[in-house]
Each structure stands twice: as structure tokens, then as C-alpha cells.
Amino acid sequence: MKKFTWGTGIFLFLVLFLAASAVFIVFASKQQVNLVHKDYYEKGVDYSEQMRVIERSKPYNHSITINTDNDFLNVAIASELAAKIDSGSMYLYRPSDKEQDITASVSAHSSSVQFKKADLINGRYILKFSWYTDGTKYEVSRPVNVQ
């Protein structure tokens, strides 16, 4: 019977270390990565412009109202804001799963938008309402809980 030497110990340590590394690499490569946006880095470059949009949108933070009933998620736009809208969009962003995001367009002078609850799953969404008035962009964000 052969003795267990330090050379055998080093060899076994290296083999176990490489096997554990291979298992971790396979595990990590199979994980789904959800960034906030597909063009995450390009959005970071435009950060200062986004800050200006948010700052000029502050007076309109309370101009949208979100209500739910059995079949729809209703987003009402205040009439004084609806009169100013040239075009816009509402984006329901689901932080935990980008496959559940929904977008709806807002036509000029529209005062409400409805999302079917059948298209939504229960949980947290973020409603991002962006619109243009005389070529200037505005944006308001609100958290929404769908039950």
C-alpha cells in the first residue's frame, strides 16, 4: 500500500478545485440576466438629458391617476395635461421579468389609457408615462401594484 504524500494531496486539491470551478461556470452561464434596458449603456450616456426631462416634469407628477377594476388597469390623465399632449406612450415596466413589459401609445389630447388585467400578472410594475409637448419631452413614473 502506498503512502499518502504531499504531492498526492496537491494533485487532489487541484482536481477538486478545477471541478468546482467548472461546475460554477456552467451554473453561472445558465443564469438569466435581466438588465433594466437592452441598451443599458447607451441610456447611461444620456443620463444628464434624462435628469433635465425629470426636472421639467415635476409639476405634472400628480396629473395621472391609476385605478383598477376587475378587468382593466385604468390610467386617467388630468384634462389640463391631456390638452397639451402632442404624442406620448405609457410603458408598464416589470422589474423582475422583462417579458411582462407592456407599452401603449397615447394619442393627442387623450385623457385615459386602459391596460387589460388579463395581460398583466400579479405584482409590482412601474408605469412610465412620457409625452411630447411642442417638441419638448416630459416623463412621469409611478409604481403600480397589480392584484
N, C-alpha and C. Protein backbone atom coordinates (compact mmCIF):
# COMPACT_ATOMS: atom_id res chain seq x y z
N MET A 1 0.84 -1.16 0.00
CA MET A 1 0.00 0.00 0.00
C MET A 1 0.89 1.24 0.00
N LYS A 2 0.50 2.18 -0.83
CA LYS A 2 1.30 3.38 -1.00
C LYS A 2 0.86 4.43 0.01
N LYS A 3 1.82 5.21 0.47
CA LYS A 3 1.55 6.26 1.43
C LYS A 3 0.93 7.47 0.74
N PHE A 4 0.13 8.22 1.50
CA PHE A 4 -0.45 9.47 1.02
C PHE A 4 0.60 10.57 1.21
N THR A 5 1.16 11.06 0.11
CA THR A 5 2.22 12.06 0.18
C THR A 5 1.66 13.46 -0.09
N TRP A 6 2.52 14.45 0.13
CA TRP A 6 2.10 15.83 -0.10
C TRP A 6 1.83 16.07 -1.59
N GLY A 7 2.52 15.39 -2.46
CA GLY A 7 2.28 15.52 -3.91
C GLY A 7 0.89 15.03 -4.28
N THR A 8 0.45 13.92 -3.68
CA THR A 8 -0.89 13.41 -3.92
C THR A 8 -1.94 14.39 -3.40
N GLY A 9 -1.69 15.01 -2.27
CA GLY A 9 -2.60 16.00 -1.68
C GLY A 9 -2.77 17.21 -2.58
N ILE A 10 -1.66 17.71 -3.12
CA ILE A 10 -1.71 18.86 -4.03
C ILE A 10 -2.49 18.48 -5.29
N PHE A 11 -2.23 17.31 -5.82
CA PHE A 11 -2.94 16.85 -7.02
C PHE A 11 -4.45 16.76 -6.76
N LEU A 12 -4.84 16.16 -5.64
CA LEU A 12 -6.28 16.05 -5.32
C LEU A 12 -6.91 17.42 -5.11
N PHE A 13 -6.19 18.34 -4.47
CA PHE A 13 -6.71 19.69 -4.28
C PHE A 13 -6.95 20.37 -5.62
N LEU A 14 -5.99 20.28 -6.54
CA LEU A 14 -6.14 20.91 -7.85
C LEU A 14 -7.31 20.31 -8.64
N VAL A 15 -7.45 19.00 -8.59
CA VAL A 15 -8.54 18.33 -9.32
C VAL A 15 -9.89 18.79 -8.75
N LEU A 16 -10.03 18.83 -7.43
CA LEU A 16 -11.28 19.27 -6.81
C LEU A 16 -11.56 20.75 -7.10
N PHE A 17 -10.51 21.57 -7.07
CA PHE A 17 -10.67 23.00 -7.36
C PHE A 17 -11.13 23.21 -8.80
N LEU A 18 -10.54 22.53 -9.75
CA LEU A 18 -10.92 22.67 -11.15
C LEU A 18 -12.34 22.14 -11.40
N ALA A 19 -12.71 21.05 -10.73
CA ALA A 19 -14.06 20.52 -10.87
C ALA A 19 -15.08 21.50 -10.31
N ALA A 20 -14.80 22.10 -9.15
CA ALA A 20 -15.71 23.08 -8.56
C ALA A 20 -15.81 24.32 -9.45
N SER A 21 -14.70 24.74 -10.03
CA SER A 21 -14.72 25.89 -10.94
C SER A 21 -15.57 25.60 -12.17
N ALA A 22 -15.43 24.41 -12.73
CA ALA A 22 -16.21 24.03 -13.91
C ALA A 22 -17.71 24.00 -13.58
N VAL A 23 -18.07 23.48 -12.43
CA VAL A 23 -19.48 23.44 -12.02
C VAL A 23 -20.01 24.86 -11.87
N PHE A 24 -19.25 25.75 -11.25
CA PHE A 24 -19.68 27.13 -11.09
C PHE A 24 -19.84 27.84 -12.42
N ILE A 25 -18.92 27.63 -13.36
CA ILE A 25 -19.00 28.26 -14.68
C ILE A 25 -20.25 27.80 -15.43
N VAL A 26 -20.54 26.53 -15.38
CA VAL A 26 -21.75 26.01 -16.03
C VAL A 26 -23.00 26.61 -15.37
N PHE A 27 -23.03 26.67 -14.05
CA PHE A 27 -24.16 27.26 -13.33
C PHE A 27 -24.34 28.74 -13.68
N ALA A 28 -23.27 29.50 -13.69
CA ALA A 28 -23.34 30.93 -13.96
C ALA A 28 -23.75 31.21 -15.41
N SER A 29 -23.33 30.39 -16.34
CA SER A 29 -23.67 30.63 -17.75
C SER A 29 -25.13 30.34 -18.04
N LYS A 30 -25.81 29.57 -17.20
CA LYS A 30 -27.22 29.24 -17.42
C LYS A 30 -28.17 30.22 -16.73
N GLN A 31 -27.65 31.20 -15.97
CA GLN A 31 -28.50 32.16 -15.28
C GLN A 31 -28.98 33.23 -16.26
N GLN A 32 -30.24 33.63 -16.10
CA GLN A 32 -30.81 34.67 -16.94
C GLN A 32 -30.42 36.03 -16.39
N VAL A 33 -29.95 36.92 -17.27
CA VAL A 33 -29.54 38.26 -16.86
C VAL A 33 -30.54 39.26 -17.43
N ASN A 34 -31.25 39.97 -16.54
CA ASN A 34 -32.20 40.99 -16.96
C ASN A 34 -31.66 42.35 -16.58
N LEU A 35 -31.18 43.09 -17.57
CA LEU A 35 -30.79 44.46 -17.33
C LEU A 35 -32.05 45.32 -17.37
N VAL A 36 -31.96 46.52 -16.86
CA VAL A 36 -33.11 47.41 -16.85
C VAL A 36 -33.56 47.68 -18.28
N HIS A 37 -32.64 47.91 -19.17
CA HIS A 37 -32.92 48.16 -20.57
C HIS A 37 -31.95 47.37 -21.42
N LYS A 38 -32.38 47.04 -22.63
CA LYS A 38 -31.50 46.33 -23.55
C LYS A 38 -30.29 47.20 -23.92
N ASP A 39 -30.54 48.50 -24.10
CA ASP A 39 -29.47 49.44 -24.43
C ASP A 39 -29.02 50.19 -23.18
N TYR A 40 -28.71 49.44 -22.15
CA TYR A 40 -28.39 49.95 -20.82
C TYR A 40 -27.25 50.97 -20.85
N TYR A 41 -26.19 50.69 -21.55
CA TYR A 41 -25.02 51.57 -21.55
C TYR A 41 -25.28 52.85 -22.34
N GLU A 42 -26.03 52.78 -23.43
CA GLU A 42 -26.36 53.97 -24.19
C GLU A 42 -27.24 54.91 -23.36
N LYS A 43 -28.15 54.32 -22.57
CA LYS A 43 -29.01 55.14 -21.70
C LYS A 43 -28.18 55.85 -20.64
N GLY A 44 -27.12 55.24 -20.17
CA GLY A 44 -26.26 55.87 -19.18
C GLY A 44 -25.57 57.10 -19.72
N VAL A 45 -25.25 57.11 -21.01
CA VAL A 45 -24.61 58.26 -21.64
C VAL A 45 -25.57 59.45 -21.66
N ASP A 46 -26.87 59.18 -21.83
CA ASP A 46 -27.88 60.24 -21.90
C ASP A 46 -28.46 60.59 -20.54
N TYR A 47 -27.76 60.28 -19.47
CA TYR A 47 -28.28 60.47 -18.12
C TYR A 47 -28.58 61.94 -17.81
N SER A 48 -27.70 62.85 -18.21
CA SER A 48 -27.92 64.27 -17.89
C SER A 48 -29.17 64.79 -18.61
N GLU A 49 -29.42 64.35 -19.81
CA GLU A 49 -30.65 64.75 -20.52
C GLU A 49 -31.87 64.19 -19.80
N GLN A 50 -31.79 62.96 -19.32
CA GLN A 50 -32.90 62.36 -18.58
C GLN A 50 -33.19 63.14 -17.30
N MET A 51 -32.16 63.61 -16.64
CA MET A 51 -32.35 64.41 -15.42
C MET A 51 -33.08 65.72 -15.74
N ARG A 52 -32.76 66.34 -16.88
CA ARG A 52 -33.47 67.56 -17.29
C ARG A 52 -34.94 67.27 -17.58
N VAL A 53 -35.22 66.13 -18.22
CA VAL A 53 -36.61 65.74 -18.51
C VAL A 53 -37.38 65.55 -17.21
N ILE A 54 -36.80 64.87 -16.25
CA ILE A 54 -37.47 64.62 -14.97
C ILE A 54 -37.70 65.93 -14.21
N GLU A 55 -36.73 66.83 -14.26
CA GLU A 55 -36.86 68.11 -13.56
C GLU A 55 -38.00 68.96 -14.15
N ARG A 56 -38.09 69.03 -15.47
CA ARG A 56 -39.16 69.84 -16.06
C ARG A 56 -40.53 69.15 -15.97
N SER A 57 -40.55 67.86 -15.63
CA SER A 57 -41.81 67.11 -15.50
C SER A 57 -42.39 67.16 -14.08
N LYS A 58 -41.65 67.68 -13.12
CA LYS A 58 -42.11 67.68 -11.73
C LYS A 58 -43.49 68.30 -11.53
N PRO A 59 -43.84 69.39 -12.20
CA PRO A 59 -45.19 69.94 -11.98
C PRO A 59 -46.33 68.99 -12.39
N TYR A 60 -46.02 67.97 -13.18
CA TYR A 60 -47.05 67.06 -13.67
C TYR A 60 -47.07 65.73 -12.91
N ASN A 61 -46.31 65.59 -11.83
CA ASN A 61 -46.23 64.32 -11.11
C ASN A 61 -47.58 63.82 -10.61
N HIS A 62 -48.48 64.72 -10.28
CA HIS A 62 -49.79 64.32 -9.75
C HIS A 62 -50.90 64.46 -10.78
N SER A 63 -50.52 64.51 -12.06
CA SER A 63 -51.51 64.69 -13.12
C SER A 63 -52.05 63.37 -13.67
N ILE A 64 -51.56 62.25 -13.18
CA ILE A 64 -52.12 60.97 -13.61
C ILE A 64 -52.67 60.23 -12.39
N THR A 65 -53.77 59.54 -12.62
CA THR A 65 -54.42 58.76 -11.57
C THR A 65 -54.56 57.33 -12.05
N ILE A 66 -54.21 56.39 -11.18
CA ILE A 66 -54.26 54.97 -11.54
C ILE A 66 -55.33 54.29 -10.72
N ASN A 67 -56.27 53.64 -11.40
CA ASN A 67 -57.35 52.90 -10.74
C ASN A 67 -57.43 51.51 -11.35
N THR A 68 -57.86 50.55 -10.55
CA THR A 68 -58.05 49.20 -11.08
C THR A 68 -59.49 48.76 -10.82
N ASP A 69 -60.01 47.99 -11.76
CA ASP A 69 -61.28 47.32 -11.53
C ASP A 69 -61.06 45.85 -11.87
N ASN A 70 -62.12 45.10 -12.06
CA ASN A 70 -61.97 43.65 -12.27
C ASN A 70 -61.26 43.30 -13.57
N ASP A 71 -61.45 44.10 -14.61
CA ASP A 71 -60.92 43.74 -15.93
C ASP A 71 -59.79 44.63 -16.44
N PHE A 72 -59.68 45.85 -15.93
CA PHE A 72 -58.74 46.81 -16.51
C PHE A 72 -57.94 47.56 -15.45
N LEU A 73 -56.75 47.99 -15.85
CA LEU A 73 -55.97 48.96 -15.11
C LEU A 73 -56.16 50.27 -15.85
N ASN A 74 -56.82 51.23 -15.23
CA ASN A 74 -57.16 52.50 -15.87
C ASN A 74 -56.20 53.58 -15.43
N VAL A 75 -55.65 54.30 -16.40
CA VAL A 75 -54.76 55.43 -16.13
C VAL A 75 -55.45 56.67 -16.68
N ALA A 76 -55.84 57.57 -15.78
CA ALA A 76 -56.52 58.80 -16.18
C ALA A 76 -55.52 59.95 -16.18
N ILE A 77 -55.58 60.75 -17.22
CA ILE A 77 -54.68 61.91 -17.36
C ILE A 77 -55.52 63.16 -17.10
N ALA A 78 -55.01 64.06 -16.27
CA ALA A 78 -55.72 65.29 -15.95
C ALA A 78 -56.01 66.07 -17.23
N SER A 79 -57.18 66.70 -17.30
CA SER A 79 -57.61 67.37 -18.53
C SER A 79 -56.67 68.49 -18.95
N GLU A 80 -56.08 69.24 -17.98
CA GLU A 80 -55.16 70.32 -18.37
C GLU A 80 -53.88 69.77 -18.98
N LEU A 81 -53.46 68.59 -18.57
CA LEU A 81 -52.29 67.96 -19.19
C LEU A 81 -52.67 67.32 -20.52
N ALA A 82 -53.81 66.66 -20.58
CA ALA A 82 -54.24 66.00 -21.82
C ALA A 82 -54.35 66.99 -22.97
N ALA A 83 -54.74 68.22 -22.69
CA ALA A 83 -54.88 69.24 -23.73
C ALA A 83 -53.53 69.63 -24.32
N LYS A 84 -52.44 69.43 -23.59
CA LYS A 84 -51.10 69.83 -24.04
C LYS A 84 -50.36 68.73 -24.79
N ILE A 85 -50.82 67.48 -24.71
CA ILE A 85 -50.08 66.35 -25.26
C ILE A 85 -50.17 66.32 -26.78
N ASP A 86 -49.00 66.27 -27.44
CA ASP A 86 -48.94 66.08 -28.89
C ASP A 86 -48.90 64.59 -29.22
N SER A 87 -48.06 63.85 -28.52
CA SER A 87 -47.97 62.39 -28.66
C SER A 87 -47.30 61.86 -27.41
N GLY A 88 -47.48 60.56 -27.17
CA GLY A 88 -46.87 60.00 -25.98
C GLY A 88 -47.00 58.50 -25.93
N SER A 89 -46.47 57.93 -24.84
CA SER A 89 -46.57 56.49 -24.65
C SER A 89 -46.57 56.18 -23.16
N MET A 90 -47.21 55.07 -22.82
CA MET A 90 -47.20 54.57 -21.46
C MET A 90 -46.53 53.20 -21.50
N TYR A 91 -45.62 53.01 -20.58
CA TYR A 91 -44.81 51.80 -20.54
C TYR A 91 -44.95 51.21 -19.16
N LEU A 92 -45.53 50.02 -19.07
CA LEU A 92 -45.62 49.28 -17.82
C LEU A 92 -44.41 48.36 -17.75
N TYR A 93 -43.49 48.71 -16.88
CA TYR A 93 -42.22 48.00 -16.76
C TYR A 93 -42.27 47.08 -15.55
N ARG A 94 -41.99 45.81 -15.77
CA ARG A 94 -41.96 44.82 -14.69
C ARG A 94 -40.50 44.56 -14.33
N PRO A 95 -40.02 45.04 -13.17
CA PRO A 95 -38.60 44.91 -12.83
C PRO A 95 -38.10 43.47 -12.78
N SER A 96 -38.95 42.52 -12.43
CA SER A 96 -38.47 41.15 -12.26
C SER A 96 -38.50 40.32 -13.53
N ASP A 97 -39.19 40.78 -14.59
CA ASP A 97 -39.29 39.98 -15.81
C ASP A 97 -39.60 40.88 -16.99
N LYS A 98 -38.62 41.09 -17.86
CA LYS A 98 -38.82 41.99 -19.00
C LYS A 98 -39.82 41.44 -20.01
N GLU A 99 -40.10 40.15 -19.97
CA GLU A 99 -41.08 39.56 -20.88
C GLU A 99 -42.51 40.04 -20.57
N GLN A 100 -42.73 40.57 -19.38
CA GLN A 100 -44.06 41.02 -18.96
C GLN A 100 -44.28 42.52 -19.17
N ASP A 101 -43.33 43.23 -19.78
CA ASP A 101 -43.47 44.66 -20.04
C ASP A 101 -44.54 44.90 -21.11
N ILE A 102 -45.29 46.00 -20.96
CA ILE A 102 -46.35 46.34 -21.91
C ILE A 102 -46.24 47.82 -22.25
N THR A 103 -46.44 48.15 -23.52
CA THR A 103 -46.39 49.54 -23.99
C THR A 103 -47.72 49.89 -24.66
N ALA A 104 -48.19 51.10 -24.42
CA ALA A 104 -49.40 51.60 -25.08
C ALA A 104 -49.12 53.02 -25.54
N SER A 105 -49.60 53.36 -26.73
CA SER A 105 -49.40 54.71 -27.23
C SER A 105 -50.54 55.61 -26.75
N VAL A 106 -50.22 56.88 -26.60
CA VAL A 106 -51.18 57.88 -26.15
C VAL A 106 -51.34 58.89 -27.28
N SER A 107 -52.55 59.01 -27.79
CA SER A 107 -52.78 59.95 -28.88
C SER A 107 -52.95 61.36 -28.34
N ALA A 108 -52.89 62.33 -29.23
CA ALA A 108 -53.01 63.73 -28.84
C ALA A 108 -54.34 63.97 -28.14
N HIS A 109 -54.28 64.71 -27.06
CA HIS A 109 -55.45 65.11 -26.26
C HIS A 109 -56.21 63.94 -25.66
N SER A 110 -55.57 62.78 -25.53
CA SER A 110 -56.21 61.61 -24.92
C SER A 110 -56.21 61.79 -23.40
N SER A 111 -57.33 61.41 -22.76
CA SER A 111 -57.42 61.62 -21.32
C SER A 111 -57.36 60.32 -20.51
N SER A 112 -57.27 59.17 -21.18
CA SER A 112 -57.14 57.91 -20.43
C SER A 112 -56.56 56.81 -21.30
N VAL A 113 -55.98 55.84 -20.61
CA VAL A 113 -55.43 54.64 -21.25
C VAL A 113 -55.83 53.46 -20.38
N GLN A 114 -56.19 52.35 -21.03
CA GLN A 114 -56.57 51.15 -20.29
C GLN A 114 -55.65 50.00 -20.67
N PHE A 115 -55.25 49.23 -19.66
CA PHE A 115 -54.49 48.01 -19.86
C PHE A 115 -55.36 46.85 -19.37
N LYS A 116 -55.46 45.79 -20.16
CA LYS A 116 -56.23 44.62 -19.75
C LYS A 116 -55.50 43.90 -18.63
N LYS A 117 -56.22 43.59 -17.56
CA LYS A 117 -55.59 42.88 -16.44
C LYS A 117 -55.25 41.45 -16.83
N ALA A 118 -55.90 40.93 -17.87
CA ALA A 118 -55.57 39.58 -18.33
C ALA A 118 -54.16 39.53 -18.92
N ASP A 119 -53.66 40.68 -19.41
CA ASP A 119 -52.30 40.74 -19.96
C ASP A 119 -51.24 40.94 -18.88
N LEU A 120 -51.66 41.24 -17.65
CA LEU A 120 -50.74 41.52 -16.56
C LEU A 120 -50.73 40.36 -15.57
N ILE A 121 -49.63 40.20 -14.88
CA ILE A 121 -49.57 39.21 -13.80
C ILE A 121 -49.52 39.98 -12.48
N ASN A 122 -49.93 39.34 -11.42
CA ASN A 122 -49.94 40.00 -10.11
C ASN A 122 -48.53 40.38 -9.70
N GLY A 123 -48.41 41.56 -9.11
CA GLY A 123 -47.12 42.00 -8.62
C GLY A 123 -46.85 43.46 -8.92
N ARG A 124 -45.59 43.82 -8.82
CA ARG A 124 -45.16 45.22 -8.94
C ARG A 124 -44.78 45.56 -10.37
N TYR A 125 -45.28 46.71 -10.83
CA TYR A 125 -44.91 47.31 -12.10
C TYR A 125 -44.50 48.75 -11.84
N ILE A 126 -43.83 49.35 -12.80
CA ILE A 126 -43.55 50.78 -12.77
C ILE A 126 -44.14 51.36 -14.06
N LEU A 127 -45.04 52.32 -13.90
CA LEU A 127 -45.66 52.98 -15.04
C LEU A 127 -44.81 54.18 -15.41
N LYS A 128 -44.32 54.21 -16.64
CA LYS A 128 -43.56 55.35 -17.14
C LYS A 128 -44.38 55.99 -18.25
N PHE A 129 -44.83 57.20 -17.99
CA PHE A 129 -45.64 57.94 -18.95
C PHE A 129 -44.76 59.05 -19.52
N SER A 130 -44.47 58.96 -20.81
CA SER A 130 -43.66 60.00 -21.45
C SER A 130 -44.46 60.60 -22.59
N TRP A 131 -44.32 61.91 -22.76
CA TRP A 131 -45.08 62.60 -23.80
C TRP A 131 -44.28 63.80 -24.31
N TYR A 132 -44.71 64.31 -25.45
CA TYR A 132 -44.10 65.48 -26.06
C TYR A 132 -45.13 66.59 -26.13
N THR A 133 -44.69 67.79 -25.79
CA THR A 133 -45.48 69.00 -25.93
C THR A 133 -44.61 70.02 -26.63
N ASP A 134 -45.00 70.43 -27.82
CA ASP A 134 -44.24 71.39 -28.63
C ASP A 134 -42.78 70.95 -28.82
N GLY A 135 -42.57 69.66 -29.02
CA GLY A 135 -41.24 69.12 -29.27
C GLY A 135 -40.39 68.91 -28.02
N THR A 136 -40.92 69.17 -26.84
CA THR A 136 -40.20 69.00 -25.59
C THR A 136 -40.70 67.74 -24.91
N LYS A 137 -39.75 66.92 -24.45
CA LYS A 137 -40.12 65.65 -23.82
C LYS A 137 -40.35 65.82 -22.32
N TYR A 138 -41.37 65.11 -21.82
CA TYR A 138 -41.69 65.07 -20.41
C TYR A 138 -41.87 63.60 -20.02
N GLU A 139 -41.66 63.29 -18.73
CA GLU A 139 -41.83 61.92 -18.29
C GLU A 139 -42.19 61.87 -16.80
N VAL A 140 -43.17 61.02 -16.48
CA VAL A 140 -43.60 60.81 -15.10
C VAL A 140 -43.59 59.30 -14.84
N SER A 141 -43.06 58.90 -13.67
CA SER A 141 -43.03 57.49 -13.30
C SER A 141 -43.84 57.28 -12.02
N ARG A 142 -44.54 56.16 -11.96
CA ARG A 142 -45.34 55.81 -10.78
C ARG A 142 -45.27 54.32 -10.54
N PRO A 143 -45.15 53.89 -9.29
CA PRO A 143 -45.24 52.45 -9.00
C PRO A 143 -46.69 51.99 -9.05
N VAL A 144 -46.90 50.76 -9.53
CA VAL A 144 -48.25 50.19 -9.64
C VAL A 144 -48.20 48.77 -9.11
N ASN A 145 -49.16 48.42 -8.26
CA ASN A 145 -49.29 47.05 -7.78
C ASN A 145 -50.54 46.45 -8.37
N VAL A 146 -50.38 45.37 -9.11
CA VAL A 146 -51.50 44.68 -9.74
C VAL A 146 -51.89 43.50 -8.85
N GLN A 147 -53.15 43.43 -8.49
CA GLN A 147 -53.66 42.35 -7.65
C GLN A 147 -54.54 41.43 -8.47
